[in-house]
Amino acid sequence: MAGVDFAWGPAEISGNAVRDLAALCKMEMLPWDEWGRMTDAYQGKTGPDYDQLIDEVADVCAKDDPLALTSLFAREVLAVPHSMVG
């Protein structure tokens, strides 16, 4: 997308992984919605701990385990804030 330099690369992939987790937990968000540490990721302010969390998100999303999905999504860092739910 022209003029949107941050919408590419690892931060976009990690943001999509978190949005995928939300969707699998029946909370579909818009492609531009950000919460938790997504903004920090887009600004290059996350490190290996966030990468590890995103790896966990990807692993859980790839499995057919609803309990693991809801348990992971319940973590404050990944849950959609109530202010974003309409």
N, C-alpha and C. Protein backbone atom coordinates (compact mmCIF):
# COMPACT_ATOMS: atom_id res chain seq x y z
N MET A 1 0.84 -1.17 0.00
CA MET A 1 0.00 0.00 0.00
C MET A 1 0.89 1.24 0.00
N ALA A 2 0.73 2.09 -0.94
CA ALA A 2 1.54 3.30 -1.05
C ALA A 2 1.30 4.22 0.14
N GLY A 3 2.38 4.74 0.71
CA GLY A 3 2.26 5.69 1.81
C GLY A 3 2.07 5.06 3.17
N VAL A 4 2.08 3.75 3.25
CA VAL A 4 1.90 3.05 4.52
C VAL A 4 3.09 2.10 4.71
N ASP A 5 4.21 2.67 5.07
CA ASP A 5 5.45 1.91 5.16
C ASP A 5 5.40 0.80 6.21
N PHE A 6 4.60 0.98 7.28
CA PHE A 6 4.59 0.00 8.35
C PHE A 6 3.72 -1.22 8.05
N ALA A 7 3.01 -1.22 6.95
CA ALA A 7 2.05 -2.29 6.66
C ALA A 7 2.70 -3.47 5.94
N TRP A 8 3.97 -3.70 6.17
CA TRP A 8 4.69 -4.78 5.52
C TRP A 8 5.63 -5.43 6.52
N GLY A 9 6.08 -6.60 6.22
CA GLY A 9 7.13 -7.23 7.00
C GLY A 9 6.66 -7.97 8.23
N PRO A 10 7.61 -8.27 9.12
CA PRO A 10 7.31 -9.10 10.29
C PRO A 10 6.20 -8.54 11.19
N ALA A 11 6.13 -7.23 11.35
CA ALA A 11 5.09 -6.66 12.21
C ALA A 11 3.70 -6.91 11.63
N GLU A 12 3.57 -6.84 10.32
CA GLU A 12 2.27 -7.11 9.69
C GLU A 12 1.91 -8.58 9.84
N ILE A 13 2.89 -9.44 9.72
CA ILE A 13 2.65 -10.88 9.90
C ILE A 13 2.21 -11.17 11.33
N SER A 14 2.90 -10.59 12.30
CA SER A 14 2.52 -10.84 13.70
C SER A 14 1.14 -10.25 14.00
N GLY A 15 0.85 -9.07 13.46
CA GLY A 15 -0.48 -8.49 13.66
C GLY A 15 -1.57 -9.36 13.07
N ASN A 16 -1.31 -9.91 11.90
CA ASN A 16 -2.30 -10.81 11.29
C ASN A 16 -2.47 -12.08 12.10
N ALA A 17 -1.40 -12.58 12.70
CA ALA A 17 -1.51 -13.78 13.54
C ALA A 17 -2.41 -13.51 14.74
N VAL A 18 -2.27 -12.34 15.36
CA VAL A 18 -3.11 -11.99 16.51
C VAL A 18 -4.56 -11.80 16.06
N ARG A 19 -4.77 -11.17 14.91
CA ARG A 19 -6.13 -11.01 14.39
C ARG A 19 -6.73 -12.37 14.02
N ASP A 20 -5.91 -13.30 13.51
CA ASP A 20 -6.39 -14.65 13.22
C ASP A 20 -6.83 -15.35 14.50
N LEU A 21 -6.05 -15.21 15.56
CA LEU A 21 -6.44 -15.80 16.84
C LEU A 21 -7.78 -15.24 17.29
N ALA A 22 -7.95 -13.94 17.19
CA ALA A 22 -9.22 -13.32 17.57
C ALA A 22 -10.36 -13.89 16.74
N ALA A 23 -10.16 -14.01 15.44
CA ALA A 23 -11.21 -14.54 14.56
C ALA A 23 -11.56 -15.98 14.91
N LEU A 24 -10.56 -16.78 15.22
CA LEU A 24 -10.82 -18.17 15.60
C LEU A 24 -11.56 -18.26 16.94
N CYS A 25 -11.50 -17.18 17.72
CA CYS A 25 -12.24 -17.11 18.98
C CYS A 25 -13.53 -16.31 18.81
N LYS A 26 -14.00 -16.24 17.57
CA LYS A 26 -15.30 -15.61 17.22
C LYS A 26 -15.33 -14.11 17.45
N MET A 27 -14.17 -13.46 17.31
CA MET A 27 -14.10 -12.01 17.45
C MET A 27 -13.36 -11.47 16.23
N GLU A 28 -14.07 -11.34 15.13
CA GLU A 28 -13.44 -10.88 13.89
C GLU A 28 -13.20 -9.37 13.96
N MET A 29 -11.99 -8.99 13.63
CA MET A 29 -11.58 -7.60 13.68
C MET A 29 -11.28 -7.12 12.27
N LEU A 30 -11.17 -5.82 12.12
CA LEU A 30 -10.83 -5.24 10.83
C LEU A 30 -9.32 -5.35 10.60
N PRO A 31 -8.89 -5.37 9.35
CA PRO A 31 -7.45 -5.53 9.07
C PRO A 31 -6.57 -4.45 9.67
N TRP A 32 -7.11 -3.29 9.97
CA TRP A 32 -6.31 -2.20 10.50
C TRP A 32 -6.46 -2.04 12.01
N ASP A 33 -7.25 -2.90 12.65
CA ASP A 33 -7.39 -2.83 14.11
C ASP A 33 -6.09 -3.25 14.78
N GLU A 34 -5.72 -2.51 15.81
CA GLU A 34 -4.51 -2.80 16.59
C GLU A 34 -4.86 -2.77 18.07
N TRP A 35 -4.27 -3.67 18.82
CA TRP A 35 -4.41 -3.67 20.27
C TRP A 35 -3.20 -4.40 20.86
N GLY A 36 -3.12 -4.36 22.16
CA GLY A 36 -2.00 -5.03 22.82
C GLY A 36 -0.67 -4.44 22.36
N ARG A 37 0.23 -5.33 22.00
CA ARG A 37 1.58 -4.89 21.61
C ARG A 37 1.74 -4.72 20.11
N MET A 38 0.63 -4.78 19.37
CA MET A 38 0.73 -4.62 17.91
C MET A 38 1.36 -3.30 17.52
N THR A 39 0.94 -2.22 18.16
CA THR A 39 1.49 -0.90 17.82
C THR A 39 2.99 -0.87 18.06
N ASP A 40 3.41 -1.44 19.19
CA ASP A 40 4.86 -1.51 19.46
C ASP A 40 5.57 -2.30 18.37
N ALA A 41 4.97 -3.39 17.92
CA ALA A 41 5.59 -4.21 16.86
C ALA A 41 5.73 -3.40 15.58
N TYR A 42 4.69 -2.65 15.21
CA TYR A 42 4.77 -1.83 14.00
C TYR A 42 5.84 -0.75 14.12
N GLN A 43 6.12 -0.31 15.34
CA GLN A 43 7.13 0.73 15.56
C GLN A 43 8.51 0.15 15.85
N GLY A 44 8.64 -1.17 15.73
CA GLY A 44 9.94 -1.81 15.96
C GLY A 44 10.35 -1.85 17.42
N LYS A 45 9.39 -1.80 18.33
CA LYS A 45 9.68 -1.74 19.77
C LYS A 45 9.46 -3.06 20.49
N THR A 46 9.40 -4.16 19.77
CA THR A 46 9.26 -5.46 20.42
C THR A 46 10.54 -6.25 20.19
N GLY A 47 10.69 -7.30 20.95
CA GLY A 47 11.90 -8.10 20.83
C GLY A 47 11.59 -9.58 20.80
N PRO A 48 12.56 -10.38 21.17
CA PRO A 48 12.43 -11.84 21.10
C PRO A 48 11.25 -12.39 21.90
N ASP A 49 10.91 -11.75 23.02
CA ASP A 49 9.79 -12.25 23.81
C ASP A 49 8.48 -12.16 23.02
N TYR A 50 8.30 -11.08 22.27
CA TYR A 50 7.08 -10.95 21.47
C TYR A 50 7.11 -11.93 20.29
N ASP A 51 8.27 -12.10 19.70
CA ASP A 51 8.40 -13.09 18.62
C ASP A 51 8.02 -14.48 19.11
N GLN A 52 8.44 -14.81 20.32
CA GLN A 52 8.11 -16.12 20.91
C GLN A 52 6.60 -16.24 21.14
N LEU A 53 5.98 -15.17 21.61
CA LEU A 53 4.54 -15.17 21.80
C LEU A 53 3.82 -15.38 20.47
N ILE A 54 4.27 -14.72 19.42
CA ILE A 54 3.65 -14.86 18.10
C ILE A 54 3.85 -16.27 17.57
N ASP A 55 4.99 -16.88 17.82
CA ASP A 55 5.20 -18.28 17.45
C ASP A 55 4.19 -19.17 18.16
N GLU A 56 3.92 -18.88 19.43
CA GLU A 56 2.92 -19.65 20.18
C GLU A 56 1.53 -19.44 19.59
N VAL A 57 1.21 -18.20 19.23
CA VAL A 57 -0.08 -17.90 18.60
C VAL A 57 -0.23 -18.70 17.31
N ALA A 58 0.80 -18.69 16.47
CA ALA A 58 0.75 -19.41 15.20
C ALA A 58 0.58 -20.91 15.43
N ASP A 59 1.29 -21.44 16.41
CA ASP A 59 1.19 -22.87 16.71
C ASP A 59 -0.21 -23.25 17.17
N VAL A 60 -0.77 -22.47 18.07
CA VAL A 60 -2.11 -22.77 18.59
C VAL A 60 -3.17 -22.59 17.49
N CYS A 61 -3.01 -21.58 16.65
CA CYS A 61 -3.98 -21.35 15.57
C CYS A 61 -3.97 -22.50 14.56
N ALA A 62 -2.84 -23.17 14.42
CA ALA A 62 -2.72 -24.25 13.45
C ALA A 62 -3.31 -25.57 13.94
N LYS A 63 -3.63 -25.64 15.22
CA LYS A 63 -4.15 -26.88 15.80
C LYS A 63 -5.66 -26.79 15.96
N ASP A 64 -6.28 -27.94 16.06
CA ASP A 64 -7.73 -28.00 16.30
C ASP A 64 -7.96 -28.23 17.79
N ASP A 65 -7.73 -27.16 18.58
CA ASP A 65 -7.84 -27.26 20.03
C ASP A 65 -8.52 -26.00 20.56
N PRO A 66 -9.86 -26.00 20.60
CA PRO A 66 -10.59 -24.82 21.05
C PRO A 66 -10.20 -24.34 22.45
N LEU A 67 -9.90 -25.26 23.35
CA LEU A 67 -9.51 -24.87 24.71
C LEU A 67 -8.19 -24.11 24.69
N ALA A 68 -7.24 -24.57 23.90
CA ALA A 68 -5.95 -23.87 23.79
C ALA A 68 -6.14 -22.49 23.17
N LEU A 69 -7.03 -22.38 22.17
CA LEU A 69 -7.31 -21.08 21.54
C LEU A 69 -7.87 -20.09 22.55
N THR A 70 -8.91 -20.50 23.26
CA THR A 70 -9.55 -19.57 24.20
C THR A 70 -8.65 -19.25 25.38
N SER A 71 -7.83 -20.21 25.80
CA SER A 71 -6.90 -19.98 26.90
C SER A 71 -5.85 -18.95 26.50
N LEU A 72 -5.30 -19.08 25.31
CA LEU A 72 -4.30 -18.14 24.82
C LEU A 72 -4.92 -16.76 24.60
N PHE A 73 -6.11 -16.73 24.01
CA PHE A 73 -6.78 -15.47 23.71
C PHE A 73 -7.18 -14.73 24.99
N ALA A 74 -7.30 -15.44 26.10
CA ALA A 74 -7.68 -14.81 27.36
C ALA A 74 -6.52 -14.01 27.98
N ARG A 75 -5.32 -14.22 27.48
CA ARG A 75 -4.19 -13.46 28.02
C ARG A 75 -4.38 -11.98 27.70
N GLU A 76 -4.13 -11.15 28.67
CA GLU A 76 -4.36 -9.71 28.52
C GLU A 76 -3.64 -9.13 27.30
N VAL A 77 -2.44 -9.59 27.02
CA VAL A 77 -1.65 -9.06 25.92
C VAL A 77 -2.26 -9.38 24.56
N LEU A 78 -3.13 -10.40 24.49
CA LEU A 78 -3.72 -10.81 23.21
C LEU A 78 -5.21 -10.52 23.09
N ALA A 79 -5.90 -10.39 24.22
CA ALA A 79 -7.34 -10.19 24.19
C ALA A 79 -7.71 -8.84 23.58
N VAL A 80 -8.81 -8.81 22.87
CA VAL A 80 -9.33 -7.55 22.31
C VAL A 80 -9.90 -6.73 23.46
N PRO A 81 -9.48 -5.48 23.58
CA PRO A 81 -10.00 -4.64 24.66
C PRO A 81 -11.52 -4.42 24.52
N HIS A 82 -12.18 -4.32 25.64
CA HIS A 82 -13.63 -4.11 25.63
C HIS A 82 -14.02 -2.85 24.85
N SER A 83 -13.15 -1.87 24.84
CA SER A 83 -13.45 -0.61 24.12
C SER A 83 -13.53 -0.80 22.62
N MET A 84 -12.98 -1.91 22.10
CA MET A 84 -13.00 -2.17 20.66
C MET A 84 -14.16 -3.06 20.25
N VAL A 85 -14.88 -3.57 21.20
CA VAL A 85 -15.99 -4.48 20.92
C VAL A 85 -17.28 -3.69 20.89
N GLY A 86 -17.99 -3.80 19.79
CA GLY A 86 -19.19 -2.97 19.66
C GLY A 86 -20.41 -3.69 19.69
